[in-house]
């Protein structure tokens, strides 16, 4: 008894190439339409979401209670609308885009955020920005002049006064202020004066050596 002939792959390809019967879709056409529908279903919501996000980003609502603040940083005036509780640290980093000042503990315990206000070192995380209108603020970005590193910056490089570098801006700002503070001449006096700046890498001996070199150069130049 003859067995019915099973269509082979070549027969299937030939039939598909000849096209479907009247009122019917070929398998290839069906799969093509299904894929197109899937792409459209996923793309349209994404496009609408992107448009909504873009529109929302363009229309930033004003911060409730924000006030106009002018800060003089590194000899330049910056104007910003700040909520009165914004710290000087957050104003420098988030609003003025001055990222050299680091946020460490945010509780005044590590010294990574040290800046100068009217020549004195302060922890910028403990001070409100609105308190410093009219003050002269100096950050790590303002120490080098004319492309030349300050004496403290150069000394830190020569003595490897850093490892990971995260605390380094605060260390340098404290050391720079220390040059004008009445402290003893020995290493222990430097350690005590720099005790508010924590180095988690433990580069303290090199930091003290860098500070002492800068102090010696400042004394010679006086």
N, C-alpha and C. Protein backbone atom coordinates (compact mmCIF):
# COMPACT_ATOMS: atom_id res chain seq x y z
N UNK A 1 0.86 -1.20 0.00
CA UNK A 1 0.00 0.00 0.00
C UNK A 1 0.89 1.24 0.00
N UNK A 2 0.59 2.16 -0.89
CA UNK A 2 1.43 3.36 -1.00
C UNK A 2 1.17 4.30 0.15
N UNK A 3 2.26 4.78 0.79
CA UNK A 3 2.15 5.76 1.86
C UNK A 3 2.05 7.17 1.27
N UNK A 4 1.19 8.04 1.88
CA UNK A 4 1.09 9.42 1.36
C UNK A 4 2.43 10.11 1.47
N UNK A 5 2.78 10.86 0.46
CA UNK A 5 4.06 11.55 0.40
C UNK A 5 4.08 12.74 1.36
N UNK A 6 5.09 12.75 2.22
CA UNK A 6 5.22 13.85 3.18
C UNK A 6 5.96 15.00 2.54
N UNK A 7 5.39 16.18 2.60
CA UNK A 7 6.05 17.32 1.94
C UNK A 7 7.39 17.61 2.61
N UNK A 8 8.38 17.81 1.79
CA UNK A 8 9.69 18.15 2.35
C UNK A 8 9.85 19.66 2.45
N UNK A 9 11.01 20.06 2.97
CA UNK A 9 11.26 21.50 3.20
C UNK A 9 11.22 22.27 1.89
N UNK A 10 11.69 21.63 0.83
CA UNK A 10 11.71 22.31 -0.46
C UNK A 10 10.31 22.61 -0.93
N UNK A 11 9.39 21.64 -0.69
CA UNK A 11 8.00 21.87 -1.08
C UNK A 11 7.40 23.03 -0.32
N UNK A 12 7.73 23.12 1.04
CA UNK A 12 7.18 24.20 1.85
C UNK A 12 7.68 25.55 1.34
N UNK A 13 8.95 25.65 1.02
CA UNK A 13 9.51 26.90 0.52
C UNK A 13 8.86 27.28 -0.79
N UNK A 14 8.63 26.27 -1.66
CA UNK A 14 8.01 26.54 -2.96
C UNK A 14 6.60 27.07 -2.80
N UNK A 15 5.83 26.44 -1.86
CA UNK A 15 4.47 26.91 -1.65
C UNK A 15 4.45 28.33 -1.11
N UNK A 16 5.38 28.63 -0.18
CA UNK A 16 5.40 29.98 0.39
C UNK A 16 5.80 30.99 -0.67
N UNK A 17 6.70 30.61 -1.54
CA UNK A 17 7.12 31.52 -2.60
C UNK A 17 5.99 31.77 -3.58
N UNK A 18 5.13 30.75 -3.78
CA UNK A 18 4.01 30.92 -4.70
C UNK A 18 2.93 31.80 -4.11
N UNK A 19 2.96 31.96 -2.79
CA UNK A 19 1.98 32.83 -2.16
C UNK A 19 0.84 32.04 -1.58
N UNK A 20 0.10 32.62 -0.61
CA UNK A 20 -1.01 31.93 0.03
C UNK A 20 -2.22 31.86 -0.89
N UNK A 21 -3.13 31.03 -0.47
CA UNK A 21 -4.37 30.93 -1.23
C UNK A 21 -5.21 32.16 -1.03
N UNK A 22 -6.30 32.25 -1.73
CA UNK A 22 -7.18 33.42 -1.63
C UNK A 22 -7.67 33.64 -0.20
N UNK A 23 -7.52 34.89 0.28
CA UNK A 23 -8.01 35.25 1.60
C UNK A 23 -7.18 34.73 2.75
N UNK A 24 -6.00 34.19 2.46
CA UNK A 24 -5.15 33.64 3.52
C UNK A 24 -3.79 34.36 3.54
N UNK A 25 -3.18 34.41 4.76
CA UNK A 25 -1.85 34.99 4.92
C UNK A 25 -0.81 33.89 4.93
N UNK A 26 0.31 34.17 4.32
CA UNK A 26 1.41 33.22 4.42
C UNK A 26 1.99 33.27 5.83
N UNK A 27 2.71 32.23 6.19
CA UNK A 27 3.32 32.20 7.51
C UNK A 27 4.31 33.34 7.69
N UNK A 28 5.08 33.65 6.67
CA UNK A 28 6.05 34.73 6.74
C UNK A 28 5.36 36.07 6.92
N UNK A 29 4.29 36.31 6.22
CA UNK A 29 3.56 37.58 6.35
C UNK A 29 2.95 37.72 7.72
N UNK A 30 2.42 36.58 8.24
CA UNK A 30 1.79 36.61 9.55
C UNK A 30 2.81 36.95 10.63
N UNK A 31 3.96 36.28 10.58
CA UNK A 31 5.00 36.55 11.56
C UNK A 31 5.53 37.97 11.45
N UNK A 32 5.62 38.48 10.22
CA UNK A 32 6.08 39.85 10.02
C UNK A 32 5.14 40.86 10.64
N UNK A 33 3.82 40.65 10.43
CA UNK A 33 2.85 41.56 11.02
C UNK A 33 2.83 41.46 12.54
N UNK A 34 3.01 40.25 13.06
CA UNK A 34 3.04 40.07 14.51
C UNK A 34 4.22 40.80 15.14
N UNK A 35 5.38 40.70 14.48
CA UNK A 35 6.56 41.39 14.99
C UNK A 35 6.41 42.89 14.95
N UNK A 36 5.84 43.40 13.86
CA UNK A 36 5.63 44.85 13.74
C UNK A 36 4.69 45.36 14.82
N UNK A 37 3.65 44.57 15.11
CA UNK A 37 2.70 44.98 16.15
C UNK A 37 3.36 45.02 17.52
N UNK A 38 4.26 44.03 17.77
CA UNK A 38 4.95 44.02 19.05
C UNK A 38 5.86 45.20 19.23
N UNK A 39 6.59 45.56 18.18
CA UNK A 39 7.47 46.72 18.24
C UNK A 39 6.68 48.00 18.49
N UNK A 40 5.57 48.13 17.80
CA UNK A 40 4.74 49.33 17.97
C UNK A 40 4.18 49.41 19.37
N UNK A 41 3.78 48.25 19.92
CA UNK A 41 3.19 48.23 21.26
C UNK A 41 4.17 48.67 22.32
N UNK A 42 5.46 48.36 22.13
CA UNK A 42 6.46 48.73 23.13
C UNK A 42 7.06 50.10 22.88
N UNK A 43 7.15 50.50 21.62
CA UNK A 43 7.81 51.75 21.28
C UNK A 43 6.95 52.96 21.61
N UNK A 44 5.67 52.89 21.32
CA UNK A 44 4.80 54.05 21.53
C UNK A 44 4.75 54.48 22.98
N UNK A 45 4.51 53.55 23.96
CA UNK A 45 4.53 53.99 25.37
C UNK A 45 5.86 54.57 25.78
N UNK A 46 6.98 53.97 25.29
CA UNK A 46 8.30 54.50 25.64
C UNK A 46 8.48 55.91 25.10
N UNK A 47 8.04 56.13 23.87
CA UNK A 47 8.18 57.45 23.27
C UNK A 47 7.36 58.47 24.04
N UNK A 48 6.13 58.07 24.40
CA UNK A 48 5.28 58.99 25.16
C UNK A 48 5.89 59.28 26.52
N UNK A 49 6.48 58.22 27.15
CA UNK A 49 7.12 58.43 28.45
C UNK A 49 8.30 59.36 28.35
N UNK A 50 9.09 59.23 27.29
CA UNK A 50 10.24 60.11 27.09
C UNK A 50 9.80 61.55 26.89
N UNK A 51 8.71 61.74 26.12
CA UNK A 51 8.22 63.10 25.91
C UNK A 51 7.73 63.70 27.22
N UNK A 52 7.03 62.87 28.03
CA UNK A 52 6.52 63.37 29.31
C UNK A 52 7.66 63.73 30.23
N UNK A 53 8.70 62.84 30.28
CA UNK A 53 9.84 63.11 31.14
C UNK A 53 10.57 64.36 30.71
N UNK A 54 10.76 64.55 29.41
CA UNK A 54 11.45 65.72 28.90
C UNK A 54 10.68 66.99 29.25
N UNK A 55 9.36 66.92 29.10
CA UNK A 55 8.54 68.09 29.39
C UNK A 55 8.60 68.43 30.87
N UNK A 56 8.57 67.36 31.71
CA UNK A 56 8.64 67.59 33.15
C UNK A 56 9.98 68.18 33.54
N UNK A 57 11.05 67.72 32.87
CA UNK A 57 12.37 68.23 33.19
C UNK A 57 12.55 69.68 32.79
N UNK A 58 11.85 70.09 31.72
CA UNK A 58 11.97 71.47 31.26
C UNK A 58 11.23 72.44 32.17
N UNK A 59 10.27 71.94 32.92
CA UNK A 59 9.46 72.80 33.77
C UNK A 59 9.72 72.47 35.23
N UNK A 60 10.91 72.80 35.71
CA UNK A 60 11.26 72.51 37.09
C UNK A 60 10.50 73.44 38.03
N UNK A 61 9.76 72.87 38.95
CA UNK A 61 9.00 73.72 39.87
C UNK A 61 9.95 74.44 40.81
N UNK A 62 9.64 75.67 41.18
CA UNK A 62 10.50 76.39 42.11
C UNK A 62 10.49 75.72 43.47
N UNK A 63 11.65 75.76 44.15
CA UNK A 63 11.74 75.17 45.48
C UNK A 63 10.98 76.05 46.46
N UNK A 64 10.04 75.50 47.22
CA UNK A 64 9.28 76.31 48.18
C UNK A 64 10.21 76.99 49.18
N UNK A 65 10.03 78.26 49.36
CA UNK A 65 10.82 79.00 50.34
C UNK A 65 12.20 79.40 49.87
N UNK A 66 12.55 79.13 48.61
CA UNK A 66 13.89 79.47 48.11
C UNK A 66 14.09 80.98 48.09
N UNK A 67 15.32 81.39 48.38
CA UNK A 67 15.66 82.81 48.39
C UNK A 67 16.87 83.03 47.49
N UNK A 68 17.02 84.24 47.02
CA UNK A 68 18.15 84.58 46.16
C UNK A 68 19.40 84.75 47.02
N UNK A 69 20.45 84.04 46.64
CA UNK A 69 21.70 84.06 47.40
C UNK A 69 22.85 84.36 46.45
N UNK A 70 23.73 85.26 46.88
CA UNK A 70 24.96 85.55 46.12
C UNK A 70 26.16 85.15 46.97
N UNK A 71 26.96 84.24 46.43
CA UNK A 71 28.15 83.77 47.13
C UNK A 71 29.38 84.15 46.33
N UNK A 72 30.38 84.69 47.02
CA UNK A 72 31.64 85.04 46.39
C UNK A 72 32.64 83.92 46.67
N UNK A 73 32.91 83.14 45.62
CA UNK A 73 33.77 81.96 45.77
C UNK A 73 34.95 82.09 44.82
N UNK A 74 36.14 82.01 45.39
CA UNK A 74 37.38 82.12 44.60
C UNK A 74 37.41 83.39 43.76
N UNK A 75 36.89 84.48 44.32
CA UNK A 75 36.92 85.77 43.66
C UNK A 75 35.82 85.99 42.63
N UNK A 76 34.89 85.06 42.51
CA UNK A 76 33.82 85.18 41.53
C UNK A 76 32.47 85.13 42.22
N UNK A 77 31.53 85.97 41.77
CA UNK A 77 30.19 85.99 42.35
C UNK A 77 29.31 84.95 41.67
N UNK A 78 28.61 84.17 42.50
CA UNK A 78 27.66 83.17 42.00
C UNK A 78 26.28 83.51 42.55
N UNK A 79 25.28 83.47 41.69
CA UNK A 79 23.90 83.75 42.09
C UNK A 79 23.09 82.46 41.99
N UNK A 80 22.31 82.18 43.02
CA UNK A 80 21.51 80.95 43.03
C UNK A 80 20.27 81.15 43.88
N UNK A 81 19.23 80.39 43.57
CA UNK A 81 18.03 80.33 44.39
C UNK A 81 18.16 79.11 45.30
N UNK A 82 18.28 79.37 46.59
CA UNK A 82 18.53 78.29 47.54
C UNK A 82 17.51 78.29 48.66
N UNK A 83 17.11 77.10 49.06
CA UNK A 83 16.29 76.95 50.25
C UNK A 83 17.17 77.30 51.45
N UNK A 84 16.67 78.03 52.43
CA UNK A 84 17.52 78.52 53.52
C UNK A 84 18.29 77.46 54.29
N UNK A 85 17.84 76.19 54.22
CA UNK A 85 18.53 75.14 54.98
C UNK A 85 19.62 74.44 54.17
N UNK A 86 19.89 74.89 52.94
CA UNK A 86 20.95 74.29 52.14
C UNK A 86 22.30 74.63 52.75
N UNK A 87 23.11 73.63 52.99
CA UNK A 87 24.43 73.89 53.58
C UNK A 87 25.36 74.50 52.54
N UNK A 88 26.41 75.12 53.04
CA UNK A 88 27.41 75.68 52.13
C UNK A 88 28.03 74.58 51.28
N UNK A 89 28.24 73.41 51.85
CA UNK A 89 28.79 72.28 51.10
C UNK A 89 27.89 71.90 49.93
N UNK A 90 26.60 71.74 50.19
CA UNK A 90 25.68 71.35 49.12
C UNK A 90 25.52 72.46 48.09
N UNK A 91 25.59 73.70 48.53
CA UNK A 91 25.52 74.81 47.58
C UNK A 91 26.71 74.78 46.63
N UNK A 92 27.89 74.55 47.17
CA UNK A 92 29.11 74.50 46.34
C UNK A 92 29.04 73.35 45.33
N UNK A 93 28.65 72.18 45.79
CA UNK A 93 28.68 71.01 44.93
C UNK A 93 27.47 70.93 44.00
N UNK A 94 26.27 71.07 44.56
CA UNK A 94 25.06 70.81 43.79
C UNK A 94 24.56 72.00 42.99
N UNK A 95 24.89 73.20 43.43
CA UNK A 95 24.37 74.40 42.75
C UNK A 95 25.45 75.16 41.98
N UNK A 96 26.66 75.21 42.51
CA UNK A 96 27.73 75.95 41.83
C UNK A 96 28.65 75.03 41.03
N UNK A 97 28.43 73.72 41.13
CA UNK A 97 29.21 72.74 40.37
C UNK A 97 30.71 72.80 40.69
N UNK A 98 31.04 73.08 41.93
CA UNK A 98 32.42 73.07 42.41
C UNK A 98 32.61 71.79 43.21
N UNK A 99 33.10 70.76 42.56
CA UNK A 99 33.12 69.42 43.14
C UNK A 99 34.41 69.10 43.90
N UNK A 100 35.34 70.03 43.97
CA UNK A 100 36.59 69.76 44.68
C UNK A 100 36.37 69.56 46.16
N UNK A 101 35.43 70.28 46.74
CA UNK A 101 35.09 70.13 48.15
C UNK A 101 34.29 68.85 48.32
N UNK A 102 34.76 67.94 49.15
CA UNK A 102 34.17 66.61 49.25
C UNK A 102 33.18 66.49 50.41
N UNK A 103 32.17 65.65 50.18
CA UNK A 103 31.23 65.31 51.25
C UNK A 103 31.64 63.97 51.82
N UNK A 104 32.05 63.98 53.08
CA UNK A 104 32.47 62.76 53.74
C UNK A 104 31.41 62.29 54.71
N UNK A 105 31.54 62.71 55.97
CA UNK A 105 30.58 62.28 56.99
C UNK A 105 29.31 63.12 56.99
N UNK A 106 29.40 64.36 56.50
CA UNK A 106 28.27 65.31 56.51
C UNK A 106 27.85 65.66 57.93
N UNK A 107 28.74 65.44 58.90
CA UNK A 107 28.45 65.76 60.30
C UNK A 107 29.58 66.55 60.96
N UNK A 108 30.50 67.09 60.18
CA UNK A 108 31.57 67.90 60.75
C UNK A 108 32.63 67.12 61.49
N UNK A 109 32.75 65.81 61.20
CA UNK A 109 33.68 64.99 61.95
C UNK A 109 34.90 64.52 61.15
N UNK A 110 34.89 64.70 59.82
CA UNK A 110 36.01 64.15 59.02
C UNK A 110 36.87 65.23 58.36
N UNK A 111 36.34 66.42 58.15
CA UNK A 111 37.13 67.52 57.59
C UNK A 111 37.26 67.51 56.08
N UNK A 112 36.64 66.54 55.40
CA UNK A 112 36.78 66.47 53.93
C UNK A 112 36.17 67.69 53.24
N UNK A 113 35.24 68.36 53.90
CA UNK A 113 34.54 69.49 53.29
C UNK A 113 35.13 70.84 53.67
N UNK A 114 36.34 70.86 54.21
CA UNK A 114 36.93 72.11 54.71
C UNK A 114 37.13 73.13 53.59
N UNK A 115 36.68 74.35 53.84
CA UNK A 115 36.92 75.50 52.95
C UNK A 115 37.37 76.67 53.81
N UNK A 116 37.75 77.75 53.17
CA UNK A 116 38.10 78.97 53.90
C UNK A 116 36.97 79.99 53.77
N UNK A 117 36.61 80.59 54.87
CA UNK A 117 35.66 81.70 54.87
C UNK A 117 36.35 82.88 55.52
N UNK A 118 36.61 83.90 54.71
CA UNK A 118 37.34 85.08 55.18
C UNK A 118 38.70 84.68 55.79
N UNK A 119 39.33 83.69 55.16
CA UNK A 119 40.66 83.27 55.57
C UNK A 119 40.70 82.23 56.66
N UNK A 120 39.56 81.89 57.25
CA UNK A 120 39.54 80.90 58.33
C UNK A 120 38.92 79.61 57.82
N UNK A 121 39.45 78.48 58.27
CA UNK A 121 38.92 77.20 57.80
C UNK A 121 37.63 76.84 58.54
N UNK A 122 36.67 76.34 57.80
CA UNK A 122 35.40 75.92 58.37
C UNK A 122 34.96 74.61 57.71
N UNK A 123 34.16 73.85 58.42
CA UNK A 123 33.52 72.68 57.84
C UNK A 123 32.26 73.14 57.12
N UNK A 124 32.28 73.08 55.81
CA UNK A 124 31.16 73.64 55.05
C UNK A 124 29.88 72.84 55.20
N UNK A 125 29.96 71.61 55.73
CA UNK A 125 28.74 70.83 55.92
C UNK A 125 27.95 71.29 57.13
N UNK A 126 28.58 72.10 58.00
CA UNK A 126 27.92 72.56 59.22
C UNK A 126 27.45 74.01 59.13
N UNK A 127 27.55 74.60 57.94
CA UNK A 127 27.24 76.02 57.79
C UNK A 127 26.22 76.20 56.68
N UNK A 128 25.23 77.05 56.91
CA UNK A 128 24.22 77.33 55.88
C UNK A 128 24.77 78.33 54.86
N UNK A 129 24.45 78.10 53.61
CA UNK A 129 24.95 78.97 52.55
C UNK A 129 24.46 80.40 52.71
N UNK A 130 23.21 80.59 53.14
CA UNK A 130 22.65 81.94 53.23
C UNK A 130 23.39 82.78 54.27
N UNK A 131 24.13 82.15 55.16
CA UNK A 131 24.86 82.89 56.18
C UNK A 131 26.10 83.57 55.63
N UNK A 132 26.49 83.23 54.40
CA UNK A 132 27.80 83.66 53.91
C UNK A 132 27.73 84.63 52.74
N UNK A 133 26.62 85.31 52.60
CA UNK A 133 26.56 86.38 51.60
C UNK A 133 27.45 87.53 52.07
N UNK A 134 28.33 87.97 51.20
CA UNK A 134 29.27 89.02 51.55
C UNK A 134 30.60 88.50 52.05
N UNK A 135 30.67 87.20 52.35
CA UNK A 135 31.94 86.61 52.79
C UNK A 135 32.80 86.22 51.58
N UNK A 136 34.09 86.11 51.82
CA UNK A 136 35.01 85.64 50.79
C UNK A 136 35.30 84.16 51.05
N UNK A 137 34.83 83.33 50.14
CA UNK A 137 34.95 81.88 50.29
C UNK A 137 36.02 81.37 49.34
N UNK A 138 36.88 80.52 49.85
CA UNK A 138 37.92 79.91 49.00
C UNK A 138 37.79 78.41 49.09
N UNK A 139 37.79 77.75 47.95
CA UNK A 139 37.76 76.29 47.89
C UNK A 139 39.08 75.80 47.31
N UNK A 140 39.22 74.50 47.24
CA UNK A 140 40.46 73.91 46.71
C UNK A 140 40.74 74.38 45.28
N UNK A 141 39.66 74.68 44.53
CA UNK A 141 39.85 75.15 43.15
C UNK A 141 40.51 76.52 43.08
N UNK A 142 40.49 77.27 44.19
CA UNK A 142 41.00 78.62 44.18
C UNK A 142 42.43 78.78 44.69
N UNK A 143 43.10 77.68 45.05
CA UNK A 143 44.44 77.80 45.62
C UNK A 143 45.52 78.01 44.56
N UNK A 144 45.47 77.26 43.49
CA UNK A 144 46.46 77.42 42.42
C UNK A 144 46.24 78.75 41.72
N UNK A 145 47.31 79.45 41.44
CA UNK A 145 47.24 80.74 40.78
C UNK A 145 48.09 80.75 39.52
N UNK A 146 47.48 81.17 38.42
CA UNK A 146 48.21 81.24 37.16
C UNK A 146 48.74 79.89 36.70
N UNK A 147 48.00 78.84 37.02
CA UNK A 147 48.44 77.51 36.63
C UNK A 147 49.54 76.93 37.50
N UNK A 148 49.91 77.61 38.57
CA UNK A 148 50.96 77.15 39.47
C UNK A 148 50.35 76.70 40.79
N UNK A 149 50.73 75.51 41.24
CA UNK A 149 50.21 74.99 42.50
C UNK A 149 50.69 75.84 43.67
N UNK A 150 49.89 75.86 44.71
CA UNK A 150 50.31 76.55 45.92
C UNK A 150 51.42 75.74 46.59
N UNK A 151 52.08 76.35 47.57
CA UNK A 151 53.18 75.67 48.27
C UNK A 151 52.70 74.40 48.96
N UNK A 152 51.49 74.46 49.52
CA UNK A 152 50.95 73.28 50.22
C UNK A 152 50.61 72.19 49.21
N UNK A 153 49.99 72.54 48.13
CA UNK A 153 49.68 71.53 47.11
C UNK A 153 50.93 70.86 46.58
N UNK A 154 51.96 71.65 46.32
CA UNK A 154 53.22 71.10 45.82
C UNK A 154 53.87 70.19 46.85
N UNK A 155 53.81 70.59 48.11
CA UNK A 155 54.41 69.78 49.17
C UNK A 155 53.68 68.45 49.33
N UNK A 156 52.38 68.44 49.18
CA UNK A 156 51.61 67.19 49.26
C UNK A 156 52.03 66.24 48.14
N UNK A 157 52.28 66.78 46.96
CA UNK A 157 52.74 65.94 45.86
C UNK A 157 54.14 65.37 46.14
N UNK A 158 55.03 66.21 46.63
CA UNK A 158 56.41 65.78 46.84
C UNK A 158 56.54 64.76 47.97
N UNK A 159 55.65 64.84 48.96
CA UNK A 159 55.74 63.93 50.10
C UNK A 159 54.68 62.82 50.05
N UNK A 160 53.99 62.69 48.93
CA UNK A 160 52.94 61.66 48.82
C UNK A 160 51.98 61.75 50.00
N UNK A 161 51.46 62.93 50.21
CA UNK A 161 50.57 63.15 51.35
C UNK A 161 49.14 62.71 51.11
N UNK A 162 48.97 61.66 50.33
CA UNK A 162 47.61 61.15 50.05
C UNK A 162 47.74 59.75 49.48
N UNK A 163 46.64 59.00 49.57
CA UNK A 163 46.57 57.70 48.91
C UNK A 163 45.33 57.66 48.02
N UNK A 164 44.15 57.45 48.60
CA UNK A 164 42.95 57.45 47.75
C UNK A 164 42.63 58.85 47.27
N UNK A 165 43.01 59.87 48.05
CA UNK A 165 42.83 61.25 47.63
C UNK A 165 41.51 61.89 48.02
N UNK A 166 40.59 61.12 48.61
CA UNK A 166 39.28 61.70 48.90
C UNK A 166 39.35 62.80 49.96
N UNK A 167 40.18 62.60 50.97
CA UNK A 167 40.29 63.60 52.04
C UNK A 167 41.24 64.73 51.68
N UNK A 168 41.99 64.58 50.58
CA UNK A 168 43.08 65.50 50.27
C UNK A 168 42.65 66.96 50.14
N UNK A 169 41.55 67.30 49.45
CA UNK A 169 41.17 68.71 49.39
C UNK A 169 40.99 69.34 50.77
N UNK A 170 40.31 68.62 51.67
CA UNK A 170 40.12 69.15 53.02
C UNK A 170 41.43 69.25 53.78
N UNK A 171 42.30 68.26 53.60
CA UNK A 171 43.62 68.30 54.26
C UNK A 171 44.41 69.52 53.80
N UNK A 172 44.41 69.75 52.50
CA UNK A 172 45.17 70.87 51.94
C UNK A 172 44.59 72.21 52.39
N UNK A 173 43.27 72.30 52.44
CA UNK A 173 42.65 73.56 52.88
C UNK A 173 42.97 73.84 54.34
N UNK A 174 42.95 72.80 55.19
CA UNK A 174 43.31 72.99 56.60
C UNK A 174 44.78 73.37 56.74
N UNK A 175 45.64 72.69 55.98
CA UNK A 175 47.08 72.97 56.06
C UNK A 175 47.38 74.38 55.60
N UNK A 176 46.68 74.84 54.58
CA UNK A 176 46.91 76.20 54.07
C UNK A 176 46.53 77.24 55.12
N UNK A 177 45.40 77.02 55.79
CA UNK A 177 44.99 77.95 56.85
C UNK A 177 45.95 77.88 58.03
N UNK A 178 46.45 76.67 58.29
CA UNK A 178 47.35 76.46 59.42
C UNK A 178 48.63 77.30 59.31
N UNK A 179 49.04 77.62 58.09
CA UNK A 179 50.25 78.43 57.90
C UNK A 179 50.15 79.78 58.58
N UNK A 180 48.92 80.24 58.79
CA UNK A 180 48.72 81.58 59.38
C UNK A 180 48.16 81.49 60.80
N UNK A 181 48.21 80.30 61.39
CA UNK A 181 47.69 80.13 62.74
C UNK A 181 48.84 80.00 63.74
N UNK A 182 48.66 80.51 64.95
CA UNK A 182 49.74 80.47 65.96
C UNK A 182 49.83 79.10 66.64
N UNK A 183 50.57 78.19 66.05
CA UNK A 183 50.76 76.88 66.66
C UNK A 183 52.25 76.61 66.81
N UNK A 184 52.59 75.58 67.56
CA UNK A 184 53.98 75.24 67.78
C UNK A 184 54.66 74.76 66.51
N UNK A 185 56.00 74.66 66.58
CA UNK A 185 56.78 74.33 65.40
C UNK A 185 57.00 72.83 65.21
N UNK A 186 56.76 72.03 66.24
CA UNK A 186 57.07 70.61 66.12
C UNK A 186 55.94 69.82 65.45
N UNK A 187 56.24 68.56 65.13
CA UNK A 187 55.28 67.72 64.43
C UNK A 187 54.01 67.47 65.25
N UNK A 188 54.16 67.36 66.56
CA UNK A 188 52.98 67.11 67.40
C UNK A 188 52.01 68.28 67.34
N UNK A 189 52.54 69.49 67.23
CA UNK A 189 51.67 70.66 67.11
C UNK A 189 50.89 70.61 65.80
N UNK A 190 51.56 70.16 64.74
CA UNK A 190 50.88 70.04 63.45
C UNK A 190 49.80 68.97 63.51
N UNK A 191 50.12 67.84 64.14
CA UNK A 191 49.13 66.76 64.27
C UNK A 191 47.89 67.24 65.03
N UNK A 192 48.11 68.00 66.09
CA UNK A 192 46.99 68.50 66.88
C UNK A 192 46.15 69.49 66.07
N UNK A 193 46.82 70.34 65.31
CA UNK A 193 46.10 71.35 64.52
C UNK A 193 45.36 70.72 63.35
N UNK A 194 45.84 69.58 62.87
CA UNK A 194 45.21 68.89 61.74
C UNK A 194 44.30 67.75 62.19
N UNK A 195 44.05 67.62 63.47
CA UNK A 195 43.31 66.48 63.99
C UNK A 195 41.86 66.43 63.51
N UNK A 196 41.35 67.55 63.04
CA UNK A 196 39.96 67.56 62.55
C UNK A 196 39.82 66.99 61.15
N UNK A 197 40.94 66.65 60.53
CA UNK A 197 40.92 66.07 59.18
C UNK A 197 41.35 64.62 59.25
N UNK A 198 40.44 63.73 58.92
CA UNK A 198 40.70 62.29 59.00
C UNK A 198 41.16 61.75 57.65
N UNK A 199 42.23 60.96 57.70
CA UNK A 199 42.70 60.24 56.51
C UNK A 199 42.50 58.75 56.77
N UNK A 200 41.52 58.16 56.13
CA UNK A 200 41.23 56.74 56.36
C UNK A 200 42.31 55.83 55.80
N UNK A 201 43.14 56.35 54.90
CA UNK A 201 44.25 55.56 54.36
C UNK A 201 45.45 55.56 55.31
N UNK A 202 45.48 56.50 56.24
CA UNK A 202 46.57 56.54 57.23
C UNK A 202 47.86 57.17 56.73
N UNK A 203 47.74 58.19 55.88
CA UNK A 203 48.95 58.84 55.34
C UNK A 203 49.40 60.00 56.22
N UNK A 204 49.19 59.89 57.51
CA UNK A 204 49.43 61.02 58.42
C UNK A 204 50.88 61.48 58.46
N UNK A 205 51.82 60.55 58.49
CA UNK A 205 53.23 60.96 58.57
C UNK A 205 53.63 61.79 57.34
N UNK A 206 53.16 61.38 56.17
CA UNK A 206 53.47 62.12 54.95
C UNK A 206 52.76 63.47 54.93
N UNK A 207 51.56 63.51 55.47
CA UNK A 207 50.82 64.77 55.54
C UNK A 207 51.56 65.76 56.44
N UNK A 208 52.01 65.29 57.59
CA UNK A 208 52.75 66.16 58.52
C UNK A 208 54.02 66.66 57.85
N UNK A 209 54.72 65.80 57.14
CA UNK A 209 55.94 66.21 56.45
C UNK A 209 55.65 67.27 55.40
N UNK A 210 54.54 67.12 54.69
CA UNK A 210 54.17 68.10 53.67
C UNK A 210 53.84 69.45 54.31
N UNK A 211 53.12 69.40 55.42
CA UNK A 211 52.76 70.65 56.11
C UNK A 211 54.01 71.35 56.63
N UNK A 212 54.92 70.59 57.19
CA UNK A 212 56.15 71.19 57.72
C UNK A 212 56.99 71.81 56.62
N UNK A 213 57.03 71.17 55.45
CA UNK A 213 57.78 71.77 54.35
C UNK A 213 57.15 73.09 53.92
N UNK A 214 55.83 73.11 53.81
CA UNK A 214 55.14 74.34 53.40
C UNK A 214 55.32 75.43 54.46
N UNK A 215 55.32 75.05 55.71
CA UNK A 215 55.54 76.03 56.77
C UNK A 215 56.94 76.62 56.70
N UNK A 216 57.92 75.77 56.43
CA UNK A 216 59.29 76.25 56.31
C UNK A 216 59.45 77.21 55.16
N UNK A 217 58.81 76.90 54.02
CA UNK A 217 58.91 77.79 52.86
C UNK A 217 58.21 79.13 53.13
N UNK A 218 57.07 79.05 53.85
CA UNK A 218 56.36 80.29 54.17
C UNK A 218 57.17 81.16 55.12
N UNK A 219 57.86 80.53 56.05
CA UNK A 219 58.70 81.28 57.00
C UNK A 219 59.87 81.95 56.31
N UNK A 220 60.46 81.27 55.33
CA UNK A 220 61.58 81.83 54.58
C UNK A 220 61.12 83.00 53.71
N UNK A 221 59.90 82.89 53.19
CA UNK A 221 59.42 83.94 52.31
C UNK A 221 58.86 85.14 53.05
N UNK A 222 58.67 85.00 54.38
CA UNK A 222 58.11 86.10 55.16
C UNK A 222 59.12 87.23 55.34
